Amino acid sequence: MATHVSELSIEEFKELISESVRTSFEDMLEDYTAMGSPEFLRSIAEAREQYKRGDVTPLEQLSGV
């Protein structure tokens, strides 16, 4: 496996760029779809209120560390 861009073939480089663009587009589309959901937007507002109140769970508790 190549560790530097200069070590990639043209086809490997094209595939790397193509996969990066595809992943970014899928993420953007998912975000766009989610933002159009009233339920999703309400859940964000609720989460922000919980955070302001300090109603949070420490990361250590979630990860079992």
PDB file of N, CA and C in Angstrom:
ATOM      1  N   MET A   1       0.845  -1.201   0.000  1.00  0.00           N
ATOM      2  CA  MET A   1       0.000   0.000   0.000  1.00  0.00           C
ATOM      3  C   MET A   1       0.879   1.250   0.000  1.00  0.00           C
ATOM      4  N   ALA A   2       0.523   2.187  -0.840  1.00  0.00           N
ATOM      5  CA  ALA A   2       1.285   3.424  -0.951  1.00  0.00           C
ATOM      6  C   ALA A   2       1.085   4.287   0.284  1.00  0.00           C
ATOM      7  N   THR A   3       2.155   4.963   0.671  1.00  0.00           N
ATOM      8  CA  THR A   3       2.061   5.855   1.829  1.00  0.00           C
ATOM      9  C   THR A   3       2.150   7.322   1.428  1.00  0.00           C
ATOM     10  N   HIS A   4       2.488   7.577   0.171  1.00  0.00           N
ATOM     11  CA  HIS A   4       2.574   8.939  -0.343  1.00  0.00           C
ATOM     12  C   HIS A   4       1.786   9.018  -1.655  1.00  0.00           C
ATOM     13  N   VAL A   5       1.215  10.175  -1.905  1.00  0.00           N
ATOM     14  CA  VAL A   5       0.443  10.364  -3.133  1.00  0.00           C
ATOM     15  C   VAL A   5       1.314  10.076  -4.353  1.00  0.00           C
ATOM     16  N   SER A   6       2.575  10.453  -4.293  1.00  0.00           N
ATOM     17  CA  SER A   6       3.463  10.245  -5.441  1.00  0.00           C
ATOM     18  C   SER A   6       3.681   8.765  -5.746  1.00  0.00           C
ATOM     19  N   GLU A   7       3.359   7.891  -4.806  1.00  0.00           N
ATOM     20  CA  GLU A   7       3.526   6.451  -5.004  1.00  0.00           C
ATOM     21  C   GLU A   7       2.289   5.792  -5.628  1.00  0.00           C
ATOM     22  N   LEU A   8       1.215   6.548  -5.757  1.00  0.00           N
ATOM     23  CA  LEU A   8      -0.023   6.005  -6.315  1.00  0.00           C
ATOM     24  C   LEU A   8       0.007   6.014  -7.828  1.00  0.00           C
ATOM     25  N   SER A   9      -0.638   5.017  -8.405  1.00  0.00           N
ATOM     26  CA  SER A   9      -0.841   5.047  -9.854  1.00  0.00           C
ATOM     27  C   SER A   9      -1.964   6.050 -10.133  1.00  0.00           C
ATOM     28  N   ILE A  10      -2.116   6.415 -11.395  1.00  0.00           N
ATOM     29  CA  ILE A  10      -3.191   7.338 -11.775  1.00  0.00           C
ATOM     30  C   ILE A  10      -4.546   6.744 -11.383  1.00  0.00           C
ATOM     31  N   GLU A  11      -4.748   5.459 -11.654  1.00  0.00           N
ATOM     32  CA  GLU A  11      -6.011   4.811 -11.321  1.00  0.00           C
ATOM     33  C   GLU A  11      -6.255   4.781  -9.809  1.00  0.00           C
ATOM     34  N   GLU A  12      -5.232   4.509  -9.025  1.00  0.00           N
ATOM     35  CA  GLU A  12      -5.381   4.508  -7.564  1.00  0.00           C
ATOM     36  C   GLU A  12      -5.735   5.903  -7.069  1.00  0.00           C
ATOM     37  N   PHE A  13      -5.090   6.910  -7.649  1.00  0.00           N
ATOM     38  CA  PHE A  13      -5.364   8.287  -7.258  1.00  0.00           C
ATOM     39  C   PHE A  13      -6.794   8.677  -7.619  1.00  0.00           C
ATOM     40  N   LYS A  14      -7.235   8.308  -8.815  1.00  0.00           N
ATOM     41  CA  LYS A  14      -8.615   8.590  -9.229  1.00  0.00           C
ATOM     42  C   LYS A  14      -9.609   7.928  -8.283  1.00  0.00           C
ATOM     43  N   GLU A  15      -9.336   6.687  -7.912  1.00  0.00           N
ATOM     44  CA  GLU A  15     -10.240   5.962  -7.009  1.00  0.00           C
ATOM     45  C   GLU A  15     -10.269   6.622  -5.630  1.00  0.00           C
ATOM     46  N   LEU A  16      -9.114   7.057  -5.148  1.00  0.00           N
ATOM     47  CA  LEU A  16      -9.038   7.735  -3.856  1.00  0.00           C
ATOM     48  C   LEU A  16      -9.875   9.008  -3.863  1.00  0.00           C
ATOM     49  N   ILE A  17      -9.722   9.812  -4.901  1.00  0.00           N
ATOM     50  CA  ILE A  17     -10.491  11.058  -5.017  1.00  0.00           C
ATOM     51  C   ILE A  17     -11.970  10.756  -5.177  1.00  0.00           C
ATOM     52  N   SER A  18     -12.287   9.797  -6.018  1.00  0.00           N
ATOM     53  CA  SER A  18     -13.682   9.427  -6.261  1.00  0.00           C
ATOM     54  C   SER A  18     -14.361   8.965  -4.970  1.00  0.00           C
ATOM     55  N   GLU A  19     -13.692   8.135  -4.213  1.00  0.00           N
ATOM     56  CA  GLU A  19     -14.261   7.637  -2.950  1.00  0.00           C
ATOM     57  C   GLU A  19     -14.436   8.772  -1.941  1.00  0.00           C
ATOM     58  N   SER A  20     -13.473   9.688  -1.896  1.00  0.00           N
ATOM     59  CA  SER A  20     -13.575  10.829  -0.982  1.00  0.00           C
ATOM     60  C   SER A  20     -14.765  11.714  -1.336  1.00  0.00           C
ATOM     61  N   VAL A  21     -14.935  11.981  -2.623  1.00  0.00           N
ATOM     62  CA  VAL A  21     -16.054  12.808  -3.078  1.00  0.00           C
ATOM     63  C   VAL A  21     -17.374  12.091  -2.805  1.00  0.00           C
ATOM     64  N   ARG A  22     -17.425  10.804  -3.092  1.00  0.00           N
ATOM     65  CA  ARG A  22     -18.652  10.018  -2.873  1.00  0.00           C
ATOM     66  C   ARG A  22     -19.040  10.052  -1.382  1.00  0.00           C
ATOM     67  N   THR A  23     -18.073   9.842  -0.513  1.00  0.00           N
ATOM     68  CA  THR A  23     -18.337   9.839   0.925  1.00  0.00           C
ATOM     69  C   THR A  23     -18.814  11.215   1.387  1.00  0.00           C
ATOM     70  N   SER A  24     -18.147  12.261   0.921  1.00  0.00           N
ATOM     71  CA  SER A  24     -18.548  13.623   1.297  1.00  0.00           C
ATOM     72  C   SER A  24     -19.958  13.934   0.815  1.00  0.00           C
ATOM     73  N   PHE A  25     -20.273  13.540  -0.412  1.00  0.00           N
ATOM     74  CA  PHE A  25     -21.601  13.785  -0.961  1.00  0.00           C
ATOM     75  C   PHE A  25     -22.664  13.029  -0.166  1.00  0.00           C
ATOM     76  N   GLU A  26     -22.389  11.772   0.166  1.00  0.00           N
ATOM     77  CA  GLU A  26     -23.345  10.983   0.948  1.00  0.00           C
ATOM     78  C   GLU A  26     -23.568  11.613   2.317  1.00  0.00           C
ATOM     79  N   ASP A  27     -22.504  12.093   2.956  1.00  0.00           N
ATOM     80  CA  ASP A  27     -22.631  12.757   4.253  1.00  0.00           C
ATOM     81  C   ASP A  27     -23.471  14.026   4.132  1.00  0.00           C
ATOM     82  N   MET A  28     -23.210  14.806   3.082  1.00  0.00           N
ATOM     83  CA  MET A  28     -23.959  16.044   2.869  1.00  0.00           C
ATOM     84  C   MET A  28     -25.436  15.752   2.614  1.00  0.00           C
ATOM     85  N   LEU A  29     -25.709  14.750   1.810  1.00  0.00           N
ATOM     86  CA  LEU A  29     -27.084  14.380   1.505  1.00  0.00           C
ATOM     87  C   LEU A  29     -27.813  13.913   2.766  1.00  0.00           C
ATOM     88  N   GLU A  30     -27.121  13.140   3.590  1.00  0.00           N
ATOM     89  CA  GLU A  30     -27.707  12.692   4.852  1.00  0.00           C
ATOM     90  C   GLU A  30     -28.015  13.875   5.759  1.00  0.00           C
ATOM     91  N   ASP A  31     -27.087  14.825   5.854  1.00  0.00           N
ATOM     92  CA  ASP A  31     -27.308  16.029   6.672  1.00  0.00           C
ATOM     93  C   ASP A  31     -28.482  16.836   6.135  1.00  0.00           C
ATOM     94  N   TYR A  32     -28.546  16.996   4.825  1.00  0.00           N
ATOM     95  CA  TYR A  32     -29.625  17.757   4.192  1.00  0.00           C
ATOM     96  C   TYR A  32     -30.977  17.110   4.482  1.00  0.00           C
ATOM     97  N   THR A  33     -31.033  15.803   4.363  1.00  0.00           N
ATOM     98  CA  THR A  33     -32.271  15.071   4.628  1.00  0.00           C
ATOM     99  C   THR A  33     -32.674  15.207   6.092  1.00  0.00           C
ATOM    100  N   ALA A  34     -31.698  15.063   6.975  1.00  0.00           N
ATOM    101  CA  ALA A  34     -31.975  15.164   8.416  1.00  0.00           C
ATOM    102  C   ALA A  34     -32.479  16.554   8.788  1.00  0.00           C
ATOM    103  N   MET A  35     -31.900  17.574   8.184  1.00  0.00           N
ATOM    104  CA  MET A  35     -32.299  18.945   8.514  1.00  0.00           C
ATOM    105  C   MET A  35     -33.728  19.241   8.063  1.00  0.00           C
ATOM    106  N   GLY A  36     -34.246  18.468   7.147  1.00  0.00           N
ATOM    107  CA  GLY A  36     -35.623  18.646   6.696  1.00  0.00           C
ATOM    108  C   GLY A  36     -36.626  17.915   7.561  1.00  0.00           C
ATOM    109  N   SER A  37     -36.139  17.246   8.605  1.00  0.00           N
ATOM    110  CA  SER A  37     -37.013  16.474   9.473  1.00  0.00           C
ATOM    111  C   SER A  37     -37.332  17.266  10.741  1.00  0.00           C
ATOM    112  N   PRO A  38     -38.597  17.622  10.940  1.00  0.00           N
ATOM    113  CA  PRO A  38     -38.966  18.351  12.152  1.00  0.00           C
ATOM    114  C   PRO A  38     -38.578  17.585  13.426  1.00  0.00           C
ATOM    115  N   GLU A  39     -38.719  16.275  13.407  1.00  0.00           N
ATOM    116  CA  GLU A  39     -38.361  15.471  14.581  1.00  0.00           C
ATOM    117  C   GLU A  39     -36.866  15.591  14.882  1.00  0.00           C
ATOM    118  N   PHE A  40     -36.049  15.547  13.847  1.00  0.00           N
ATOM    119  CA  PHE A  40     -34.604  15.677  14.018  1.00  0.00           C
ATOM    120  C   PHE A  40     -34.257  17.054  14.585  1.00  0.00           C
ATOM    121  N   LEU A  41     -34.865  18.100  14.035  1.00  0.00           N
ATOM    122  CA  LEU A  41     -34.601  19.457  14.515  1.00  0.00           C
ATOM    123  C   LEU A  41     -35.035  19.627  15.969  1.00  0.00           C
ATOM    124  N   ARG A  42     -36.167  19.012  16.347  1.00  0.00           N
ATOM    125  CA  ARG A  42     -36.610  19.063  17.746  1.00  0.00           C
ATOM    126  C   ARG A  42     -35.610  18.354  18.653  1.00  0.00           C
ATOM    127  N   SER A  43     -35.066  17.233  18.185  1.00  0.00           N
ATOM    128  CA  SER A  43     -34.114  16.493  19.010  1.00  0.00           C
ATOM    129  C   SER A  43     -32.836  17.303  19.231  1.00  0.00           C
ATOM    130  N   ILE A  44     -32.427  18.076  18.233  1.00  0.00           N
ATOM    131  CA  ILE A  44     -31.256  18.943  18.396  1.00  0.00           C
ATOM    132  C   ILE A  44     -31.544  20.026  19.435  1.00  0.00           C
ATOM    133  N   ALA A  45     -32.705  20.652  19.337  1.00  0.00           N
ATOM    134  CA  ALA A  45     -33.078  21.695  20.296  1.00  0.00           C
ATOM    135  C   ALA A  45     -33.135  21.119  21.709  1.00  0.00           C
ATOM    136  N   GLU A  46     -33.703  19.932  21.851  1.00  0.00           N
ATOM    137  CA  GLU A  46     -33.790  19.284  23.161  1.00  0.00           C
ATOM    138  C   GLU A  46     -32.401  18.978  23.714  1.00  0.00           C
ATOM    139  N   ALA A  47     -31.525  18.484  22.862  1.00  0.00           N
ATOM    140  CA  ALA A  47     -30.163  18.154  23.295  1.00  0.00           C
ATOM    141  C   ALA A  47     -29.415  19.412  23.735  1.00  0.00           C
ATOM    142  N   ARG A  48     -29.620  20.506  23.037  1.00  0.00           N
ATOM    143  CA  ARG A  48     -28.961  21.765  23.418  1.00  0.00           C
ATOM    144  C   ARG A  48     -29.470  22.254  24.771  1.00  0.00           C
ATOM    145  N   GLU A  49     -30.775  22.125  25.011  1.00  0.00           N
ATOM    146  CA  GLU A  49     -31.336  22.519  26.312  1.00  0.00           C
ATOM    147  C   GLU A  49     -30.779  21.639  27.429  1.00  0.00           C
ATOM    148  N   GLN A  50     -30.693  20.346  27.185  1.00  0.00           N
ATOM    149  CA  GLN A  50     -30.129  19.429  28.182  1.00  0.00           C
ATOM    150  C   GLN A  50     -28.689  19.813  28.501  1.00  0.00           C
ATOM    151  N   TYR A  51     -27.944  20.163  27.489  1.00  0.00           N
ATOM    152  CA  TYR A  51     -26.542  20.555  27.686  1.00  0.00           C
ATOM    153  C   TYR A  51     -26.461  21.834  28.518  1.00  0.00           C
ATOM    154  N   LYS A  52     -27.313  22.818  28.216  1.00  0.00           N
ATOM    155  CA  LYS A  52     -27.320  24.074  28.971  1.00  0.00           C
ATOM    156  C   LYS A  52     -27.632  23.834  30.443  1.00  0.00           C
ATOM    157  N   ARG A  53     -28.533  22.874  30.714  1.00  0.00           N
ATOM    158  CA  ARG A  53     -28.907  22.549  32.093  1.00  0.00           C
ATOM    159  C   ARG A  53     -27.837  21.714  32.796  1.00  0.00           C
ATOM    160  N   GLY A  54     -26.888  21.239  32.042  1.00  0.00           N
ATOM    161  CA  GLY A  54     -25.859  20.372  32.621  1.00  0.00           C
ATOM    162  C   GLY A  54     -26.320  18.934  32.739  1.00  0.00           C
ATOM    163  N   ASP A  55     -27.400  18.620  32.053  1.00  0.00           N
ATOM    164  CA  ASP A  55     -27.962  17.270  32.078  1.00  0.00           C
ATOM    165  C   ASP A  55     -27.218  16.413  31.046  1.00  0.00           C
ATOM    166  N   VAL A  56     -25.978  16.078  31.399  1.00  0.00           N
ATOM    167  CA  VAL A  56     -25.112  15.323  30.490  1.00  0.00           C
ATOM    168  C   VAL A  56     -24.497  14.141  31.227  1.00  0.00           C
ATOM    169  N   THR A  57     -24.021  13.179  30.457  1.00  0.00           N
ATOM    170  CA  THR A  57     -23.346  12.015  31.011  1.00  0.00           C
ATOM    171  C   THR A  57     -21.859  12.142  30.684  1.00  0.00           C
ATOM    172  N   PRO A  58     -20.986  12.055  31.680  1.00  0.00           N
ATOM    173  CA  PRO A  58     -19.551  12.137  31.404  1.00  0.00           C
ATOM    174  C   PRO A  58     -19.105  11.054  30.424  1.00  0.00           C
ATOM    175  N   LEU A  59     -18.180  11.413  29.560  1.00  0.00           N
ATOM    176  CA  LEU A  59     -17.678  10.501  28.557  1.00  0.00           C
ATOM    177  C   LEU A  59     -17.129   9.212  29.178  1.00  0.00           C
ATOM    178  N   GLU A  60     -16.483   9.334  30.314  1.00  0.00           N
ATOM    179  CA  GLU A  60     -15.910   8.169  30.995  1.00  0.00           C
ATOM    180  C   GLU A  60     -17.003   7.145  31.334  1.00  0.00           C
ATOM    181  N   GLN A  61     -18.177   7.645  31.680  1.00  0.00           N
ATOM    182  CA  GLN A  61     -19.292   6.762  32.004  1.00  0.00           C
ATOM    183  C   GLN A  61     -19.804   6.026  30.776  1.00  0.00           C
ATOM    184  N   LEU A  62     -19.797   6.716  29.640  1.00  0.00           N
ATOM    185  CA  LEU A  62     -20.279   6.106  28.409  1.00  0.00           C
ATOM    186  C   LEU A  62     -19.320   5.067  27.847  1.00  0.00           C
ATOM    187  N   SER A  63     -18.033   5.348  27.972  1.00  0.00           N
ATOM    188  CA  SER A  63     -17.048   4.471  27.367  1.00  0.00           C
ATOM    189  C   SER A  63     -16.595   3.358  28.316  1.00  0.00           C
ATOM    190  N   GLY A  64     -17.022   3.413  29.559  1.00  0.00           N
ATOM    191  CA  GLY A  64     -16.648   2.385  30.525  1.00  0.00           C
ATOM    192  C   GLY A  64     -15.198   2.504  30.974  1.00  0.00           C
ATOM    193  N   VAL A  65     -14.592   3.663  30.764  1.00  0.00           N
ATOM    194  CA  VAL A  65     -13.190   3.859  31.170  1.00  0.00           C
ATOM    195  C   VAL A  65     -13.113   4.226  32.625  1.00  0.00           C
TER     196      VAL A  65
END
